[in-house]
Amino acid sequence: MLFLIMGYCLTMTSCSDDNNTDWNLAPLLTTRSVVTPDFDWEKADWMPTPAGYAQIPVPWIGAGSLSSFYETDILNDYKSFDGWEMLYNAFSSEASNVVNNPFFVLYNKY
């Protein structure tokens, strides 16, 4: 009986939407990325960098590549027809957009 009384009291005093406060709980996304949709990563041997800056090879070929860790079937899986899409790219060929630690993010929609 005591549980029924406590349940009734809790139900009657529960939260309601009368206050209708608009709480924006979505995380704030801040990015310093420069999306360059014209960058064709499939045919590129180097990431876009301004003239006079060191050239950076794409992750799947060249010095420091992933080739020492993965087999060729994984290394060759970066084509857009296989589902890969560029999400973020902090590389730029313009000196005004240089980022200290540039990054490149591909996402596979499959």
PDB file of N, CA and C in Angstrom:
ATOM      1  N   MET A   1       0.816  -1.183   0.000  1.00  0.00           N
ATOM      2  CA  MET A   1       0.000   0.000   0.000  1.00  0.00           C
ATOM      3  C   MET A   1       0.869   1.260   0.000  1.00  0.00           C
ATOM      4  N   LEU A   2       1.959   1.175   0.770  1.00  0.00           N
ATOM      5  CA  LEU A   2       2.873   2.315   0.846  1.00  0.00           C
ATOM      6  C   LEU A   2       3.479   2.616  -0.524  1.00  0.00           C
ATOM      7  N   PHE A   3       3.783   1.547  -1.287  1.00  0.00           N
ATOM      8  CA  PHE A   3       4.343   1.736  -2.628  1.00  0.00           C
ATOM      9  C   PHE A   3       3.340   2.401  -3.571  1.00  0.00           C
ATOM     10  N   LEU A   4       2.078   2.063  -3.439  1.00  0.00           N
ATOM     11  CA  LEU A   4       1.048   2.688  -4.267  1.00  0.00           C
ATOM     12  C   LEU A   4       0.924   4.178  -3.977  1.00  0.00           C
ATOM     13  N   ILE A   5       0.992   4.533  -2.721  1.00  0.00           N
ATOM     14  CA  ILE A   5       0.893   5.940  -2.338  1.00  0.00           C
ATOM     15  C   ILE A   5       2.117   6.705  -2.850  1.00  0.00           C
ATOM     16  N   MET A   6       3.311   6.103  -2.707  1.00  0.00           N
ATOM     17  CA  MET A   6       4.543   6.755  -3.178  1.00  0.00           C
ATOM     18  C   MET A   6       4.523   6.891  -4.708  1.00  0.00           C
ATOM     19  N   GLY A   7       4.036   5.858  -5.390  1.00  0.00           N
ATOM     20  CA  GLY A   7       3.938   5.912  -6.846  1.00  0.00           C
ATOM     21  C   GLY A   7       2.987   6.991  -7.308  1.00  0.00           C
ATOM     22  N   TYR A   8       1.857   7.113  -6.620  1.00  0.00           N
ATOM     23  CA  TYR A   8       0.890   8.154  -6.958  1.00  0.00           C
ATOM     24  C   TYR A   8       1.481   9.539  -6.745  1.00  0.00           C
ATOM     25  N   CYS A   9       2.178   9.728  -5.640  1.00  0.00           N
ATOM     26  CA  CYS A   9       2.796  11.035  -5.348  1.00  0.00           C
ATOM     27  C   CYS A   9       3.856  11.387  -6.391  1.00  0.00           C
ATOM     28  N   LEU A  10       4.661  10.427  -6.774  1.00  0.00           N
ATOM     29  CA  LEU A  10       5.697  10.676  -7.779  1.00  0.00           C
ATOM     30  C   LEU A  10       5.092  10.991  -9.142  1.00  0.00           C
ATOM     31  N   THR A  11       4.017  10.317  -9.475  1.00  0.00           N
ATOM     32  CA  THR A  11       3.357  10.552 -10.756  1.00  0.00           C
ATOM     33  C   THR A  11       2.744  11.948 -10.805  1.00  0.00           C
ATOM     34  N   MET A  12       2.153  12.368  -9.749  1.00  0.00           N
ATOM     35  CA  MET A  12       1.488  13.663  -9.715  1.00  0.00           C
ATOM     36  C   MET A  12       2.477  14.823  -9.676  1.00  0.00           C
ATOM     37  N   THR A  13       3.697  14.573  -9.203  1.00  0.00           N
ATOM     38  CA  THR A  13       4.686  15.654  -9.091  1.00  0.00           C
ATOM     39  C   THR A  13       5.812  15.508 -10.114  1.00  0.00           C
ATOM     40  N   SER A  14       5.586  14.712 -11.126  1.00  0.00           N
ATOM     41  CA  SER A  14       6.632  14.500 -12.118  1.00  0.00           C
ATOM     42  C   SER A  14       6.809  15.733 -12.992  1.00  0.00           C
ATOM     43  N   CYS A  15       7.881  15.730 -13.766  1.00  0.00           N
ATOM     44  CA  CYS A  15       8.194  16.859 -14.650  1.00  0.00           C
ATOM     45  C   CYS A  15       7.156  16.987 -15.751  1.00  0.00           C
ATOM     46  N   SER A  16       6.947  18.205 -16.160  1.00  0.00           N
ATOM     47  CA  SER A  16       6.028  18.429 -17.272  1.00  0.00           C
ATOM     48  C   SER A  16       6.698  19.336 -18.289  1.00  0.00           C
ATOM     49  N   ASP A  17       6.099  19.470 -19.454  1.00  0.00           N
ATOM     50  CA  ASP A  17       6.632  20.302 -20.523  1.00  0.00           C
ATOM     51  C   ASP A  17       6.064  21.723 -20.477  1.00  0.00           C
ATOM     52  N   ASP A  18       5.451  22.104 -19.356  1.00  0.00           N
ATOM     53  CA  ASP A  18       4.850  23.423 -19.256  1.00  0.00           C
ATOM     54  C   ASP A  18       5.884  24.538 -19.362  1.00  0.00           C
ATOM     55  N   ASN A  19       7.082  24.274 -18.874  1.00  0.00           N
ATOM     56  CA  ASN A  19       8.132  25.282 -18.892  1.00  0.00           C
ATOM     57  C   ASN A  19       8.622  25.537 -20.313  1.00  0.00           C
ATOM     58  N   ASN A  20       8.653  24.489 -21.135  1.00  0.00           N
ATOM     59  CA  ASN A  20       9.008  24.560 -22.552  1.00  0.00           C
ATOM     60  C   ASN A  20      10.304  25.341 -22.802  1.00  0.00           C
ATOM     61  N   THR A  21      11.304  25.087 -21.971  1.00  0.00           N
ATOM     62  CA  THR A  21      12.609  25.722 -22.145  1.00  0.00           C
ATOM     63  C   THR A  21      13.328  25.036 -23.286  1.00  0.00           C
ATOM     64  N   ASP A  22      13.840  25.814 -24.206  1.00  0.00           N
ATOM     65  CA  ASP A  22      14.547  25.269 -25.361  1.00  0.00           C
ATOM     66  C   ASP A  22      16.008  25.067 -24.986  1.00  0.00           C
ATOM     67  N   TRP A  23      16.325  23.862 -24.579  1.00  0.00           N
ATOM     68  CA  TRP A  23      17.700  23.534 -24.210  1.00  0.00           C
ATOM     69  C   TRP A  23      18.420  23.075 -25.458  1.00  0.00           C
ATOM     70  N   ASN A  24      19.462  23.775 -25.811  1.00  0.00           N
ATOM     71  CA  ASN A  24      20.265  23.394 -26.966  1.00  0.00           C
ATOM     72  C   ASN A  24      21.409  22.525 -26.465  1.00  0.00           C
ATOM     73  N   LEU A  25      21.194  21.221 -26.484  1.00  0.00           N
ATOM     74  CA  LEU A  25      22.177  20.286 -25.968  1.00  0.00           C
ATOM     75  C   LEU A  25      23.099  19.741 -27.040  1.00  0.00           C
ATOM     76  N   ALA A  26      22.958  20.211 -28.268  1.00  0.00           N
ATOM     77  CA  ALA A  26      23.830  19.749 -29.349  1.00  0.00           C
ATOM     78  C   ALA A  26      25.237  20.266 -29.100  1.00  0.00           C
ATOM     79  N   PRO A  27      26.235  19.417 -29.295  1.00  0.00           N
ATOM     80  CA  PRO A  27      27.610  19.867 -29.057  1.00  0.00           C
ATOM     81  C   PRO A  27      28.009  20.943 -30.067  1.00  0.00           C
ATOM     82  N   LEU A  28      28.812  21.855 -29.586  1.00  0.00           N
ATOM     83  CA  LEU A  28      29.306  22.894 -30.476  1.00  0.00           C
ATOM     84  C   LEU A  28      30.450  22.322 -31.290  1.00  0.00           C
ATOM     85  N   LEU A  29      30.332  22.387 -32.594  1.00  0.00           N
ATOM     86  CA  LEU A  29      31.364  21.875 -33.472  1.00  0.00           C
ATOM     87  C   LEU A  29      32.189  23.038 -33.999  1.00  0.00           C
ATOM     88  N   THR A  30      33.457  22.996 -33.699  1.00  0.00           N
ATOM     89  CA  THR A  30      34.353  24.008 -34.211  1.00  0.00           C
ATOM     90  C   THR A  30      35.425  23.290 -34.992  1.00  0.00           C
ATOM     91  N   THR A  31      35.670  23.755 -36.170  1.00  0.00           N
ATOM     92  CA  THR A  31      36.690  23.124 -36.983  1.00  0.00           C
ATOM     93  C   THR A  31      37.492  24.181 -37.703  1.00  0.00           C
ATOM     94  N   ARG A  32      38.708  23.866 -37.950  1.00  0.00           N
ATOM     95  CA  ARG A  32      39.573  24.754 -38.712  1.00  0.00           C
ATOM     96  C   ARG A  32      39.924  24.105 -40.040  1.00  0.00           C
ATOM     97  N   SER A  33      39.111  23.183 -40.430  1.00  0.00           N
ATOM     98  CA  SER A  33      39.406  22.470 -41.667  1.00  0.00           C
ATOM     99  C   SER A  33      38.989  23.291 -42.877  1.00  0.00           C
ATOM    100  N   VAL A  34      39.654  23.012 -43.962  1.00  0.00           N
ATOM    101  CA  VAL A  34      39.338  23.648 -45.224  1.00  0.00           C
ATOM    102  C   VAL A  34      38.926  22.540 -46.172  1.00  0.00           C
ATOM    103  N   VAL A  35      37.657  22.463 -46.468  1.00  0.00           N
ATOM    104  CA  VAL A  35      37.185  21.420 -47.361  1.00  0.00           C
ATOM    105  C   VAL A  35      37.465  21.876 -48.791  1.00  0.00           C
ATOM    106  N   THR A  36      38.232  21.074 -49.485  1.00  0.00           N
ATOM    107  CA  THR A  36      38.580  21.398 -50.867  1.00  0.00           C
ATOM    108  C   THR A  36      38.017  20.312 -51.769  1.00  0.00           C
ATOM    109  N   PRO A  37      36.774  20.475 -52.219  1.00  0.00           N
ATOM    110  CA  PRO A  37      36.149  19.418 -53.012  1.00  0.00           C
ATOM    111  C   PRO A  37      36.826  19.177 -54.357  1.00  0.00           C
ATOM    112  N   ASP A  38      37.645  20.121 -54.818  1.00  0.00           N
ATOM    113  CA  ASP A  38      38.303  19.912 -56.094  1.00  0.00           C
ATOM    114  C   ASP A  38      39.605  19.114 -55.956  1.00  0.00           C
ATOM    115  N   PHE A  39      39.979  18.730 -54.746  1.00  0.00           N
ATOM    116  CA  PHE A  39      41.179  17.927 -54.541  1.00  0.00           C
ATOM    117  C   PHE A  39      40.878  16.472 -54.896  1.00  0.00           C
ATOM    118  N   ASP A  40      41.523  15.966 -55.902  1.00  0.00           N
ATOM    119  CA  ASP A  40      41.318  14.590 -56.351  1.00  0.00           C
ATOM    120  C   ASP A  40      42.352  13.690 -55.687  1.00  0.00           C
ATOM    121  N   TRP A  41      42.016  13.162 -54.521  1.00  0.00           N
ATOM    122  CA  TRP A  41      42.954  12.346 -53.763  1.00  0.00           C
ATOM    123  C   TRP A  41      43.288  11.037 -54.467  1.00  0.00           C
ATOM    124  N   GLU A  42      42.429  10.583 -55.352  1.00  0.00           N
ATOM    125  CA  GLU A  42      42.661   9.311 -56.037  1.00  0.00           C
ATOM    126  C   GLU A  42      43.844   9.374 -57.001  1.00  0.00           C
ATOM    127  N   LYS A  43      44.062  10.512 -57.622  1.00  0.00           N
ATOM    128  CA  LYS A  43      45.127  10.650 -58.613  1.00  0.00           C
ATOM    129  C   LYS A  43      46.335  11.402 -58.080  1.00  0.00           C
ATOM    130  N   ALA A  44      46.241  11.943 -56.874  1.00  0.00           N
ATOM    131  CA  ALA A  44      47.315  12.762 -56.321  1.00  0.00           C
ATOM    132  C   ALA A  44      48.440  11.900 -55.754  1.00  0.00           C
ATOM    133  N   ASP A  45      49.648  12.371 -55.929  1.00  0.00           N
ATOM    134  CA  ASP A  45      50.807  11.754 -55.288  1.00  0.00           C
ATOM    135  C   ASP A  45      51.236  12.560 -54.066  1.00  0.00           C
ATOM    136  N   TRP A  46      50.829  13.822 -54.013  1.00  0.00           N
ATOM    137  CA  TRP A  46      51.197  14.725 -52.929  1.00  0.00           C
ATOM    138  C   TRP A  46      49.962  15.459 -52.439  1.00  0.00           C
ATOM    139  N   MET A  47      49.941  15.763 -51.159  1.00  0.00           N
ATOM    140  CA  MET A  47      48.872  16.576 -50.591  1.00  0.00           C
ATOM    141  C   MET A  47      49.099  18.022 -51.018  1.00  0.00           C
ATOM    142  N   PRO A  48      48.044  18.824 -51.166  1.00  0.00           N
ATOM    143  CA  PRO A  48      48.224  20.212 -51.592  1.00  0.00           C
ATOM    144  C   PRO A  48      48.903  21.051 -50.507  1.00  0.00           C
ATOM    145  N   THR A  49      50.047  21.618 -50.835  1.00  0.00           N
ATOM    146  CA  THR A  49      50.779  22.519 -49.937  1.00  0.00           C
ATOM    147  C   THR A  49      51.234  23.731 -50.743  1.00  0.00           C
ATOM    148  N   PRO A  50      51.430  24.872 -50.091  1.00  0.00           N
ATOM    149  CA  PRO A  50      51.874  26.067 -50.816  1.00  0.00           C
ATOM    150  C   PRO A  50      53.286  25.894 -51.378  1.00  0.00           C
ATOM    151  N   ALA A  51      53.589  26.665 -52.403  1.00  0.00           N
ATOM    152  CA  ALA A  51      54.933  26.645 -52.982  1.00  0.00           C
ATOM    153  C   ALA A  51      55.941  27.037 -51.903  1.00  0.00           C
ATOM    154  N   GLY A  52      57.044  26.329 -51.864  1.00  0.00           N
ATOM    155  CA  GLY A  52      58.074  26.602 -50.871  1.00  0.00           C
ATOM    156  C   GLY A  52      57.943  25.769 -49.602  1.00  0.00           C
ATOM    157  N   TYR A  53      56.831  25.122 -49.401  1.00  0.00           N
ATOM    158  CA  TYR A  53      56.637  24.249 -48.245  1.00  0.00           C
ATOM    159  C   TYR A  53      57.017  22.821 -48.624  1.00  0.00           C
ATOM    160  N   ALA A  54      57.354  22.023 -47.616  1.00  0.00           N
ATOM    161  CA  ALA A  54      57.724  20.629 -47.874  1.00  0.00           C
ATOM    162  C   ALA A  54      56.532  19.883 -48.454  1.00  0.00           C
ATOM    163  N   GLN A  55      56.820  19.025 -49.418  1.00  0.00           N
ATOM    164  CA  GLN A  55      55.758  18.212 -50.000  1.00  0.00           C
ATOM    165  C   GLN A  55      55.431  17.063 -49.060  1.00  0.00           C
ATOM    166  N   ILE A  56      54.149  16.736 -48.977  1.00  0.00           N
ATOM    167  CA  ILE A  56      53.674  15.657 -48.109  1.00  0.00           C
ATOM    168  C   ILE A  56      52.995  14.626 -48.996  1.00  0.00           C
ATOM    169  N   PRO A  57      53.510  13.376 -48.994  1.00  0.00           N
ATOM    170  CA  PRO A  57      52.888  12.361 -49.837  1.00  0.00           C
ATOM    171  C   PRO A  57      51.528  11.941 -49.285  1.00  0.00           C
ATOM    172  N   VAL A  58      50.685  11.407 -50.161  1.00  0.00           N
ATOM    173  CA  VAL A  58      49.401  10.871 -49.699  1.00  0.00           C
ATOM    174  C   VAL A  58      49.685   9.678 -48.779  1.00  0.00           C
ATOM    175  N   PRO A  59      48.789   9.345 -47.876  1.00  0.00           N
ATOM    176  CA  PRO A  59      49.060   8.326 -46.859  1.00  0.00           C
ATOM    177  C   PRO A  59      49.357   6.924 -47.382  1.00  0.00           C
ATOM    178  N   TRP A  60      48.914   6.608 -48.586  1.00  0.00           N
ATOM    179  CA  TRP A  60      49.064   5.235 -49.067  1.00  0.00           C
ATOM    180  C   TRP A  60      50.311   5.020 -49.911  1.00  0.00           C
ATOM    181  N   ILE A  61      51.076   6.066 -50.207  1.00  0.00           N
ATOM    182  CA  ILE A  61      52.348   5.891 -50.920  1.00  0.00           C
ATOM    183  C   ILE A  61      53.403   6.800 -50.313  1.00  0.00           C
ATOM    184  N   GLY A  62      54.639   6.540 -50.599  1.00  0.00           N
ATOM    185  CA  GLY A  62      55.719   7.434 -50.197  1.00  0.00           C
ATOM    186  C   GLY A  62      56.267   7.153 -48.817  1.00  0.00           C
ATOM    187  N   ALA A  63      57.222   7.989 -48.412  1.00  0.00           N
ATOM    188  CA  ALA A  63      57.869   7.844 -47.107  1.00  0.00           C
ATOM    189  C   ALA A  63      56.854   8.065 -45.990  1.00  0.00           C
ATOM    190  N   GLY A  64      56.922   7.235 -44.978  1.00  0.00           N
ATOM    191  CA  GLY A  64      55.998   7.344 -43.856  1.00  0.00           C
ATOM    192  C   GLY A  64      54.600   6.866 -44.163  1.00  0.00           C
ATOM    193  N   SER A  65      54.441   6.140 -45.248  1.00  0.00           N
ATOM    194  CA  SER A  65      53.101   5.686 -45.625  1.00  0.00           C
ATOM    195  C   SER A  65      52.675   4.489 -44.782  1.00  0.00           C
ATOM    196  N   LEU A  66      51.474   4.063 -45.022  1.00  0.00           N
ATOM    197  CA  LEU A  66      50.924   2.918 -44.307  1.00  0.00           C
ATOM    198  C   LEU A  66      51.395   1.583 -44.874  1.00  0.00           C
ATOM    199  N   SER A  67      52.229   1.624 -45.927  1.00  0.00           N
ATOM    200  CA  SER A  67      52.622   0.395 -46.613  1.00  0.00           C
ATOM    201  C   SER A  67      53.443  -0.550 -45.734  1.00  0.00           C
ATOM    202  N   SER A  68      54.061  -0.036 -44.708  1.00  0.00           N
ATOM    203  CA  SER A  68      54.816  -0.925 -43.827  1.00  0.00           C
ATOM    204  C   SER A  68      53.911  -1.639 -42.817  1.00  0.00           C
ATOM    205  N   PHE A  69      52.651  -1.227 -42.726  1.00  0.00           N
ATOM    206  CA  PHE A  69      51.727  -1.818 -41.760  1.00  0.00           C
ATOM    207  C   PHE A  69      50.627  -2.662 -42.398  1.00  0.00           C
ATOM    208  N   TYR A  70      50.258  -2.362 -43.645  1.00  0.00           N
ATOM    209  CA  TYR A  70      49.109  -3.005 -44.260  1.00  0.00           C
ATOM    210  C   TYR A  70      49.465  -3.625 -45.609  1.00  0.00           C
ATOM    211  N   GLU A  71      48.678  -4.604 -46.012  1.00  0.00           N
ATOM    212  CA  GLU A  71      48.846  -5.268 -47.309  1.00  0.00           C
ATOM    213  C   GLU A  71      48.304  -4.369 -48.423  1.00  0.00           C
ATOM    214  N   THR A  72      48.655  -4.695 -49.655  1.00  0.00           N
ATOM    215  CA  THR A  72      48.261  -3.857 -50.793  1.00  0.00           C
ATOM    216  C   THR A  72      46.753  -3.809 -51.015  1.00  0.00           C
ATOM    217  N   ASP A  73      46.013  -4.881 -50.654  1.00  0.00           N
ATOM    218  CA  ASP A  73      44.560  -4.834 -50.835  1.00  0.00           C
ATOM    219  C   ASP A  73      43.924  -3.767 -49.944  1.00  0.00           C
ATOM    220  N   ILE A  74      44.497  -3.507 -48.796  1.00  0.00           N
ATOM    221  CA  ILE A  74      43.996  -2.452 -47.915  1.00  0.00           C
ATOM    222  C   ILE A  74      44.513  -1.097 -48.381  1.00  0.00           C
ATOM    223  N   LEU A  75      45.774  -1.041 -48.777  1.00  0.00           N
ATOM    224  CA  LEU A  75      46.363   0.222 -49.225  1.00  0.00           C
ATOM    225  C   LEU A  75      45.699   0.766 -50.479  1.00  0.00           C
ATOM    226  N   ASN A  76      45.238  -0.101 -51.335  1.00  0.00           N
ATOM    227  CA  ASN A  76      44.605   0.333 -52.579  1.00  0.00           C
ATOM    228  C   ASN A  76      43.114   0.617 -52.435  1.00  0.00           C
ATOM    229  N   ASP A  77      42.596   0.514 -51.228  1.00  0.00           N
ATOM    230  CA  ASP A  77      41.179   0.762 -50.979  1.00  0.00           C
ATOM    231  C   ASP A  77      40.976   2.219 -50.537  1.00  0.00           C
ATOM    232  N   TYR A  78      41.021   3.141 -51.487  1.00  0.00           N
ATOM    233  CA  TYR A  78      40.799   4.558 -51.210  1.00  0.00           C
ATOM    234  C   TYR A  78      40.051   5.255 -52.339  1.00  0.00           C
ATOM    235  N   LYS A  79      39.490   4.504 -53.238  1.00  0.00           N
ATOM    236  CA  LYS A  79      38.798   5.068 -54.404  1.00  0.00           C
ATOM    237  C   LYS A  79      37.360   5.476 -54.054  1.00  0.00           C
ATOM    238  N   SER A  80      36.885   6.514 -54.698  1.00  0.00           N
ATOM    239  CA  SER A  80      35.528   6.996 -54.423  1.00  0.00           C
ATOM    240  C   SER A  80      34.459   5.994 -54.866  1.00  0.00           C
ATOM    241  N   PHE A  81      34.721   5.213 -55.920  1.00  0.00           N
ATOM    242  CA  PHE A  81      33.713   4.232 -56.351  1.00  0.00           C
ATOM    243  C   PHE A  81      33.581   3.082 -55.359  1.00  0.00           C
ATOM    244  N   ASP A  82      34.557   2.940 -54.438  1.00  0.00           N
ATOM    245  CA  ASP A  82      34.465   1.945 -53.368  1.00  0.00           C
ATOM    246  C   ASP A  82      33.748   2.502 -52.143  1.00  0.00           C
ATOM    247  N   GLY A  83      33.260   3.742 -52.245  1.00  0.00           N
ATOM    248  CA  GLY A  83      32.487   4.332 -51.150  1.00  0.00           C
ATOM    249  C   GLY A  83      33.210   5.401 -50.361  1.00  0.00           C
ATOM    250  N   TRP A  84      34.442   5.725 -50.711  1.00  0.00           N
ATOM    251  CA  TRP A  84      35.202   6.708 -49.950  1.00  0.00           C
ATOM    252  C   TRP A  84      34.789   8.126 -50.330  1.00  0.00           C
ATOM    253  N   GLU A  85      34.613   8.961 -49.300  1.00  0.00           N
ATOM    254  CA  GLU A  85      34.269  10.363 -49.468  1.00  0.00           C
ATOM    255  C   GLU A  85      35.195  11.194 -48.593  1.00  0.00           C
ATOM    256  N   MET A  86      35.599  12.371 -49.080  1.00  0.00           N
ATOM    257  CA  MET A  86      36.433  13.250 -48.277  1.00  0.00           C
ATOM    258  C   MET A  86      35.550  14.040 -47.328  1.00  0.00           C
ATOM    259  N   LEU A  87      35.815  13.927 -46.023  1.00  0.00           N
ATOM    260  CA  LEU A  87      35.056  14.680 -45.035  1.00  0.00           C
ATOM    261  C   LEU A  87      35.759  15.978 -44.676  1.00  0.00           C
ATOM    262  N   TYR A  88      37.032  15.882 -44.333  1.00  0.00           N
ATOM    263  CA  TYR A  88      37.787  17.054 -43.908  1.00  0.00           C
ATOM    264  C   TYR A  88      39.149  17.050 -44.565  1.00  0.00           C
ATOM    265  N   ASN A  89      39.656  18.235 -44.788  1.00  0.00           N
ATOM    266  CA  ASN A  89      40.954  18.372 -45.398  1.00  0.00           C
ATOM    267  C   ASN A  89      41.529  19.712 -44.956  1.00  0.00           C
ATOM    268  N   ALA A  90      42.593  19.693 -44.167  1.00  0.00           N
ATOM    269  CA  ALA A  90      43.210  20.924 -43.697  1.00  0.00           C
ATOM    270  C   ALA A  90      44.391  21.319 -44.575  1.00  0.00           C
ATOM    271  N   PHE A  91      44.585  20.626 -45.686  1.00  0.00           N
ATOM    272  CA  PHE A  91      45.666  20.956 -46.607  1.00  0.00           C
ATOM    273  C   PHE A  91      45.185  22.034 -47.573  1.00  0.00           C
ATOM    274  N   SER A  92      46.082  22.927 -47.946  1.00  0.00           N
ATOM    275  CA  SER A  92      45.742  23.978 -48.892  1.00  0.00           C
ATOM    276  C   SER A  92      46.988  24.391 -49.649  1.00  0.00           C
ATOM    277  N   SER A  93      46.813  24.810 -50.876  1.00  0.00           N
ATOM    278  CA  SER A  93      47.939  25.296 -51.666  1.00  0.00           C
ATOM    279  C   SER A  93      48.128  26.799 -51.495  1.00  0.00           C
ATOM    280  N   GLU A  94      47.293  27.440 -50.687  1.00  0.00           N
ATOM    281  CA  GLU A  94      47.410  28.873 -50.426  1.00  0.00           C
ATOM    282  C   GLU A  94      48.137  29.101 -49.110  1.00  0.00           C
ATOM    283  N   ALA A  95      49.138  29.966 -49.108  1.00  0.00           N
ATOM    284  CA  ALA A  95      49.948  30.216 -47.911  1.00  0.00           C
ATOM    285  C   ALA A  95      49.118  30.797 -46.767  1.00  0.00           C
ATOM    286  N   SER A  96      48.029  31.496 -47.073  1.00  0.00           N
ATOM    287  CA  SER A  96      47.203  32.096 -46.023  1.00  0.00           C
ATOM    288  C   SER A  96      46.387  31.051 -45.255  1.00  0.00           C
ATOM    289  N   ASN A  97      46.259  29.844 -45.783  1.00  0.00           N
ATOM    290  CA  ASN A  97      45.460  28.797 -45.136  1.00  0.00           C
ATOM    291  C   ASN A  97      46.306  27.681 -44.540  1.00  0.00           C
ATOM    292  N   VAL A  98      47.581  27.933 -44.258  1.00  0.00           N
ATOM    293  CA  VAL A  98      48.467  26.889 -43.749  1.00  0.00           C
ATOM    294  C   VAL A  98      48.104  26.558 -42.301  1.00  0.00           C
ATOM    295  N   VAL A  99      47.984  25.267 -42.007  1.00  0.00           N
ATOM    296  CA  VAL A  99      47.679  24.766 -40.670  1.00  0.00           C
ATOM    297  C   VAL A  99      48.923  24.037 -40.163  1.00  0.00           C
ATOM    298  N   ASN A 100      49.257  24.205 -38.870  1.00  0.00           N
ATOM    299  CA  ASN A 100      50.463  23.582 -38.318  1.00  0.00           C
ATOM    300  C   ASN A 100      50.456  22.063 -38.429  1.00  0.00           C
ATOM    301  N   ASN A 101      49.352  21.443 -38.119  1.00  0.00           N
ATOM    302  CA  ASN A 101      49.229  19.985 -38.193  1.00  0.00           C
ATOM    303  C   ASN A 101      48.083  19.637 -39.129  1.00  0.00           C
ATOM    304  N   PRO A 102      48.329  19.704 -40.441  1.00  0.00           N
ATOM    305  CA  PRO A 102      47.226  19.438 -41.369  1.00  0.00           C
ATOM    306  C   PRO A 102      46.757  17.990 -41.298  1.00  0.00           C
ATOM    307  N   PHE A 103      45.499  17.777 -41.581  1.00  0.00           N
ATOM    308  CA  PHE A 103      44.938  16.434 -41.558  1.00  0.00           C
ATOM    309  C   PHE A 103      44.046  16.227 -42.768  1.00  0.00           C
ATOM    310  N   PHE A 104      43.762  14.975 -43.019  1.00  0.00           N
ATOM    311  CA  PHE A 104      43.023  14.557 -44.203  1.00  0.00           C
ATOM    312  C   PHE A 104      42.150  13.399 -43.765  1.00  0.00           C
ATOM    313  N   VAL A 105      40.833  13.501 -43.923  1.00  0.00           N
ATOM    314  CA  VAL A 105      39.924  12.471 -43.434  1.00  0.00           C
ATOM    315  C   VAL A 105      39.050  11.969 -44.569  1.00  0.00           C
ATOM    316  N   LEU A 106      39.124  10.669 -44.816  1.00  0.00           N
ATOM    317  CA  LEU A 106      38.218  10.005 -45.741  1.00  0.00           C
ATOM    318  C   LEU A 106      37.276   9.144 -44.922  1.00  0.00           C
ATOM    319  N   TYR A 107      36.048   9.000 -45.410  1.00  0.00           N
ATOM    320  CA  TYR A 107      35.037   8.189 -44.748  1.00  0.00           C
ATOM    321  C   TYR A 107      34.441   7.245 -45.771  1.00  0.00           C
ATOM    322  N   ASN A 108      34.271   6.002 -45.372  1.00  0.00           N
ATOM    323  CA  ASN A 108      33.657   5.037 -46.271  1.00  0.00           C
ATOM    324  C   ASN A 108      32.189   4.863 -45.893  1.00  0.00           C
ATOM    325  N   LYS A 109      31.309   5.254 -46.794  1.00  0.00           N
ATOM    326  CA  LYS A 109      29.873   5.198 -46.507  1.00  0.00           C
ATOM    327  C   LYS A 109      29.320   3.783 -46.449  1.00  0.00           C
ATOM    328  N   TYR A 110      30.093   2.818 -46.878  1.00  0.00           N
ATOM    329  CA  TYR A 110      29.635   1.439 -46.798  1.00  0.00           C
ATOM    330  C   TYR A 110      30.089   0.798 -45.518  1.00  0.00           C
TER     331      TYR A 110
END
